[in-house]
């Protein structure tokens, strides 16, 4: 393989790594239902919907899980997003991961 071919291969490899890293950043830990229930209790101890601002601390993209578009995240929306891997980092929820 010549230098041009190696350069092209390197550029394609770099693009793929960058794209896969960006994709992975859009997913958090996938938790089961009981872990998501514990996570909800941790983020909303009074069991009230979270504002999008408050939810943004825990949820990757609030717009993705605010299914009714009312600007707040209900318990149902939070848990659906949680089981779909929409929470930020597992470290944010040590209560739910046996840590």
N, C-alpha and C. Protein backbone atom coordinates (compact mmCIF):
# COMPACT_ATOMS: atom_id res chain seq x y z
N UNK A 1 0.85 -1.17 0.00
CA UNK A 1 0.00 0.00 0.00
C UNK A 1 0.90 1.24 0.00
N UNK A 2 0.54 2.20 -0.84
CA UNK A 2 1.34 3.42 -0.94
C UNK A 2 0.94 4.43 0.15
N UNK A 3 1.66 5.52 0.19
CA UNK A 3 1.44 6.55 1.21
C UNK A 3 0.03 7.14 1.11
N UNK A 4 -0.44 7.35 -0.09
CA UNK A 4 -1.79 7.90 -0.28
C UNK A 4 -2.83 6.94 0.30
N UNK A 5 -2.66 5.66 0.06
CA UNK A 5 -3.59 4.66 0.57
C UNK A 5 -3.56 4.60 2.10
N UNK A 6 -2.36 4.67 2.67
CA UNK A 6 -2.24 4.66 4.13
C UNK A 6 -2.87 5.90 4.75
N UNK A 7 -2.66 7.04 4.11
CA UNK A 7 -3.25 8.28 4.60
C UNK A 7 -4.77 8.20 4.58
N UNK A 8 -5.32 7.69 3.49
CA UNK A 8 -6.77 7.54 3.38
C UNK A 8 -7.30 6.58 4.43
N UNK A 9 -6.62 5.47 4.64
CA UNK A 9 -7.02 4.49 5.64
C UNK A 9 -7.00 5.11 7.04
N UNK A 10 -5.96 5.90 7.33
CA UNK A 10 -5.86 6.56 8.63
C UNK A 10 -7.01 7.54 8.82
N UNK A 11 -7.33 8.32 7.80
CA UNK A 11 -8.40 9.31 7.90
C UNK A 11 -9.76 8.63 8.10
N UNK A 12 -10.00 7.55 7.40
CA UNK A 12 -11.26 6.82 7.56
C UNK A 12 -11.35 6.22 8.96
N UNK A 13 -10.25 5.64 9.43
CA UNK A 13 -10.24 5.05 10.78
C UNK A 13 -10.50 6.11 11.83
N UNK A 14 -9.88 7.27 11.69
CA UNK A 14 -10.08 8.37 12.64
C UNK A 14 -11.53 8.82 12.63
N UNK A 15 -12.13 8.93 11.46
CA UNK A 15 -13.53 9.35 11.35
C UNK A 15 -14.45 8.33 12.02
N UNK A 16 -14.18 7.05 11.82
CA UNK A 16 -15.00 6.01 12.45
C UNK A 16 -14.89 6.04 13.96
N UNK A 17 -13.69 6.21 14.48
CA UNK A 17 -13.50 6.27 15.93
C UNK A 17 -14.22 7.49 16.50
N UNK A 18 -14.11 8.62 15.83
CA UNK A 18 -14.78 9.84 16.29
C UNK A 18 -16.29 9.65 16.27
N UNK A 19 -16.82 9.08 15.22
CA UNK A 19 -18.27 8.87 15.11
C UNK A 19 -18.75 7.90 16.18
N UNK A 20 -18.02 6.83 16.41
CA UNK A 20 -18.46 5.85 17.41
C UNK A 20 -18.37 6.43 18.81
N UNK A 21 -17.40 7.30 19.07
CA UNK A 21 -17.31 7.94 20.37
C UNK A 21 -18.48 8.88 20.59
N UNK A 22 -18.86 9.62 19.57
CA UNK A 22 -20.00 10.53 19.68
C UNK A 22 -21.28 9.74 19.90
N UNK A 23 -21.43 8.62 19.21
CA UNK A 23 -22.62 7.79 19.39
C UNK A 23 -22.67 7.25 20.80
N UNK A 24 -21.58 6.76 21.32
CA UNK A 24 -21.55 6.20 22.66
C UNK A 24 -21.86 7.25 23.71
N UNK A 25 -21.53 8.49 23.45
CA UNK A 25 -21.81 9.55 24.42
C UNK A 25 -23.30 9.82 24.54
N UNK A 26 -24.09 9.38 23.56
CA UNK A 26 -25.53 9.58 23.60
C UNK A 26 -26.25 8.48 24.37
N UNK A 27 -25.53 7.56 24.93
CA UNK A 27 -26.15 6.50 25.70
C UNK A 27 -25.49 6.40 27.05
N UNK A 28 -26.29 6.18 28.04
CA UNK A 28 -25.79 5.99 29.38
C UNK A 28 -25.95 4.54 29.78
N UNK A 29 -25.90 4.27 31.07
CA UNK A 29 -26.07 2.90 31.53
C UNK A 29 -27.50 2.44 31.31
N UNK A 30 -27.68 1.19 30.95
CA UNK A 30 -29.01 0.63 30.85
C UNK A 30 -29.32 -0.03 32.18
N UNK A 31 -30.32 0.50 32.86
CA UNK A 31 -30.69 -0.01 34.17
C UNK A 31 -31.98 -0.79 34.08
N UNK A 32 -32.18 -1.72 35.01
CA UNK A 32 -33.44 -2.45 35.01
C UNK A 32 -34.50 -1.64 35.74
N UNK A 33 -35.72 -2.14 35.75
CA UNK A 33 -36.86 -1.39 36.30
C UNK A 33 -36.64 -1.04 37.78
N UNK A 34 -36.17 -1.99 38.57
CA UNK A 34 -35.97 -1.69 40.00
C UNK A 34 -34.87 -0.66 40.21
N UNK A 35 -33.82 -0.70 39.41
CA UNK A 35 -32.77 0.31 39.51
C UNK A 35 -33.30 1.68 39.11
N UNK A 36 -34.16 1.72 38.11
CA UNK A 36 -34.75 2.99 37.68
C UNK A 36 -35.70 3.53 38.74
N UNK A 37 -36.41 2.66 39.43
CA UNK A 37 -37.26 3.11 40.53
C UNK A 37 -36.42 3.75 41.63
N UNK A 38 -35.28 3.13 41.95
CA UNK A 38 -34.38 3.70 42.96
C UNK A 38 -33.79 5.03 42.48
N UNK A 39 -33.45 5.11 41.19
CA UNK A 39 -32.91 6.34 40.64
C UNK A 39 -33.95 7.46 40.73
N UNK A 40 -35.21 7.15 40.40
CA UNK A 40 -36.27 8.16 40.49
C UNK A 40 -36.41 8.66 41.92
N UNK A 41 -36.41 7.75 42.88
CA UNK A 41 -36.51 8.13 44.29
C UNK A 41 -35.34 9.02 44.69
N UNK A 42 -34.16 8.74 44.13
CA UNK A 42 -32.97 9.54 44.45
C UNK A 42 -33.07 10.95 43.88
N UNK A 43 -33.61 11.10 42.67
CA UNK A 43 -33.65 12.42 42.04
C UNK A 43 -34.92 13.20 42.36
N UNK A 44 -35.97 12.50 42.77
CA UNK A 44 -37.23 13.17 43.12
C UNK A 44 -37.79 12.55 44.40
N UNK A 45 -37.13 12.84 45.53
CA UNK A 45 -37.57 12.23 46.79
C UNK A 45 -39.00 12.59 47.17
N UNK A 46 -39.50 13.72 46.66
CA UNK A 46 -40.88 14.12 46.94
C UNK A 46 -41.85 13.56 45.91
N UNK A 47 -41.32 12.78 44.95
CA UNK A 47 -42.13 12.12 43.92
C UNK A 47 -42.94 13.11 43.09
N UNK A 48 -42.27 14.20 42.68
CA UNK A 48 -42.91 15.19 41.82
C UNK A 48 -42.13 15.27 40.50
N UNK A 49 -42.80 15.66 39.40
CA UNK A 49 -42.09 15.79 38.13
C UNK A 49 -40.90 16.75 38.24
N UNK A 50 -39.89 16.48 37.46
CA UNK A 50 -38.69 17.32 37.43
C UNK A 50 -38.80 18.33 36.31
N UNK A 51 -38.35 19.55 36.57
CA UNK A 51 -38.24 20.51 35.47
C UNK A 51 -37.17 19.99 34.52
N UNK A 52 -37.22 20.45 33.28
CA UNK A 52 -36.18 20.03 32.33
C UNK A 52 -34.80 20.44 32.83
N UNK A 53 -34.73 21.60 33.47
CA UNK A 53 -33.44 22.07 34.01
C UNK A 53 -32.92 21.11 35.07
N UNK A 54 -33.78 20.70 35.98
CA UNK A 54 -33.36 19.77 37.04
C UNK A 54 -33.04 18.40 36.45
N UNK A 55 -33.84 17.95 35.49
CA UNK A 55 -33.63 16.64 34.88
C UNK A 55 -32.35 16.60 34.06
N UNK A 56 -31.93 17.74 33.51
CA UNK A 56 -30.74 17.79 32.66
C UNK A 56 -29.48 17.35 33.41
N UNK A 57 -29.51 17.41 34.73
CA UNK A 57 -28.37 16.95 35.52
C UNK A 57 -28.22 15.44 35.44
N UNK A 58 -29.32 14.74 35.14
CA UNK A 58 -29.33 13.28 35.19
C UNK A 58 -29.62 12.62 33.85
N UNK A 59 -30.29 13.34 32.96
CA UNK A 59 -30.75 12.77 31.70
C UNK A 59 -29.91 13.31 30.56
N UNK A 60 -29.55 12.46 29.62
CA UNK A 60 -28.70 12.87 28.50
C UNK A 60 -29.40 13.93 27.65
N UNK A 61 -30.65 13.71 27.25
CA UNK A 61 -31.37 14.67 26.44
C UNK A 61 -32.82 14.68 26.90
N UNK A 62 -33.20 15.72 27.63
CA UNK A 62 -34.55 15.77 28.20
C UNK A 62 -35.62 15.76 27.12
N UNK A 63 -35.35 16.38 25.98
CA UNK A 63 -36.34 16.41 24.91
C UNK A 63 -36.67 15.00 24.42
N UNK A 64 -35.70 14.10 24.49
CA UNK A 64 -35.94 12.72 24.05
C UNK A 64 -36.90 11.97 24.97
N UNK A 65 -36.93 12.32 26.24
CA UNK A 65 -37.80 11.56 27.14
C UNK A 65 -39.03 12.33 27.59
N UNK A 66 -39.12 13.62 27.28
CA UNK A 66 -40.31 14.39 27.61
C UNK A 66 -41.35 14.10 26.53
N UNK A 67 -41.98 12.93 26.63
CA UNK A 67 -42.83 12.42 25.56
C UNK A 67 -44.07 13.28 25.31
N UNK A 68 -44.59 13.97 26.31
CA UNK A 68 -45.77 14.79 26.08
C UNK A 68 -45.41 16.26 25.83
N UNK A 69 -44.11 16.59 25.88
CA UNK A 69 -43.65 17.92 25.56
C UNK A 69 -44.10 19.03 26.50
N UNK A 70 -44.39 18.68 27.75
CA UNK A 70 -44.89 19.69 28.69
C UNK A 70 -43.78 20.44 29.43
N UNK A 71 -42.53 20.11 29.13
CA UNK A 71 -41.41 20.83 29.76
C UNK A 71 -40.99 20.27 31.10
N UNK A 72 -41.61 19.18 31.53
CA UNK A 72 -41.18 18.53 32.77
C UNK A 72 -41.08 17.02 32.52
N UNK A 73 -40.34 16.37 33.40
CA UNK A 73 -40.11 14.93 33.27
C UNK A 73 -40.86 14.24 34.40
N UNK A 74 -41.87 13.48 34.01
CA UNK A 74 -42.67 12.75 34.99
C UNK A 74 -41.94 11.47 35.41
N UNK A 75 -42.47 10.82 36.42
CA UNK A 75 -41.89 9.55 36.86
C UNK A 75 -41.90 8.53 35.73
N UNK A 76 -43.00 8.43 35.01
CA UNK A 76 -43.10 7.47 33.90
C UNK A 76 -42.07 7.79 32.82
N UNK A 77 -41.97 9.07 32.44
CA UNK A 77 -41.00 9.46 31.41
C UNK A 77 -39.58 9.18 31.86
N UNK A 78 -39.28 9.50 33.11
CA UNK A 78 -37.94 9.27 33.65
C UNK A 78 -37.59 7.79 33.60
N UNK A 79 -38.51 6.95 34.06
CA UNK A 79 -38.25 5.51 34.10
C UNK A 79 -38.12 4.92 32.70
N UNK A 80 -38.92 5.40 31.77
CA UNK A 80 -38.80 4.92 30.38
C UNK A 80 -37.43 5.31 29.81
N UNK A 81 -37.02 6.55 30.06
CA UNK A 81 -35.70 6.99 29.61
C UNK A 81 -34.58 6.23 30.30
N UNK A 82 -34.78 5.96 31.56
CA UNK A 82 -33.79 5.24 32.36
C UNK A 82 -33.55 3.83 31.80
N UNK A 83 -34.62 3.10 31.54
CA UNK A 83 -34.46 1.73 31.02
C UNK A 83 -33.95 1.73 29.59
N UNK A 84 -34.06 2.87 28.91
CA UNK A 84 -33.56 2.99 27.53
C UNK A 84 -32.12 3.49 27.47
N UNK A 85 -31.49 3.68 28.63
CA UNK A 85 -30.09 4.12 28.64
C UNK A 85 -29.92 5.62 28.49
N UNK A 86 -30.89 6.40 28.93
CA UNK A 86 -30.82 7.85 28.77
C UNK A 86 -30.32 8.60 30.01
N UNK A 87 -29.82 7.88 31.01
CA UNK A 87 -29.22 8.55 32.17
C UNK A 87 -27.77 8.87 31.86
N UNK A 88 -27.26 9.91 32.46
CA UNK A 88 -25.90 10.36 32.16
C UNK A 88 -24.84 9.33 32.52
N UNK A 89 -24.47 9.20 33.75
CA UNK A 89 -23.36 8.35 34.14
C UNK A 89 -23.80 7.47 35.30
N UNK A 90 -23.39 6.23 35.29
CA UNK A 90 -23.76 5.31 36.37
C UNK A 90 -23.30 5.84 37.72
N UNK A 91 -22.21 6.60 37.74
CA UNK A 91 -21.69 7.14 39.00
C UNK A 91 -22.68 8.10 39.65
N UNK A 92 -23.57 8.69 38.86
CA UNK A 92 -24.57 9.60 39.41
C UNK A 92 -25.62 8.88 40.24
N UNK A 93 -25.68 7.57 40.09
CA UNK A 93 -26.71 6.79 40.76
C UNK A 93 -26.11 5.60 41.50
N UNK A 94 -25.20 5.86 42.44
CA UNK A 94 -24.58 4.73 43.16
C UNK A 94 -25.61 3.91 43.91
N UNK A 95 -26.74 4.52 44.28
CA UNK A 95 -27.78 3.79 45.01
C UNK A 95 -28.34 2.65 44.19
N UNK A 96 -28.28 2.81 42.84
CA UNK A 96 -28.99 1.92 41.96
C UNK A 96 -28.13 0.84 41.34
N UNK A 97 -26.85 0.92 41.55
CA UNK A 97 -25.94 -0.02 40.90
C UNK A 97 -25.19 -0.88 41.90
N UNK A 98 -25.66 -0.90 43.13
CA UNK A 98 -25.02 -1.72 44.14
C UNK A 98 -23.66 -1.23 44.56
N UNK A 99 -23.42 0.07 44.44
CA UNK A 99 -22.11 0.63 44.79
C UNK A 99 -22.15 1.23 46.17
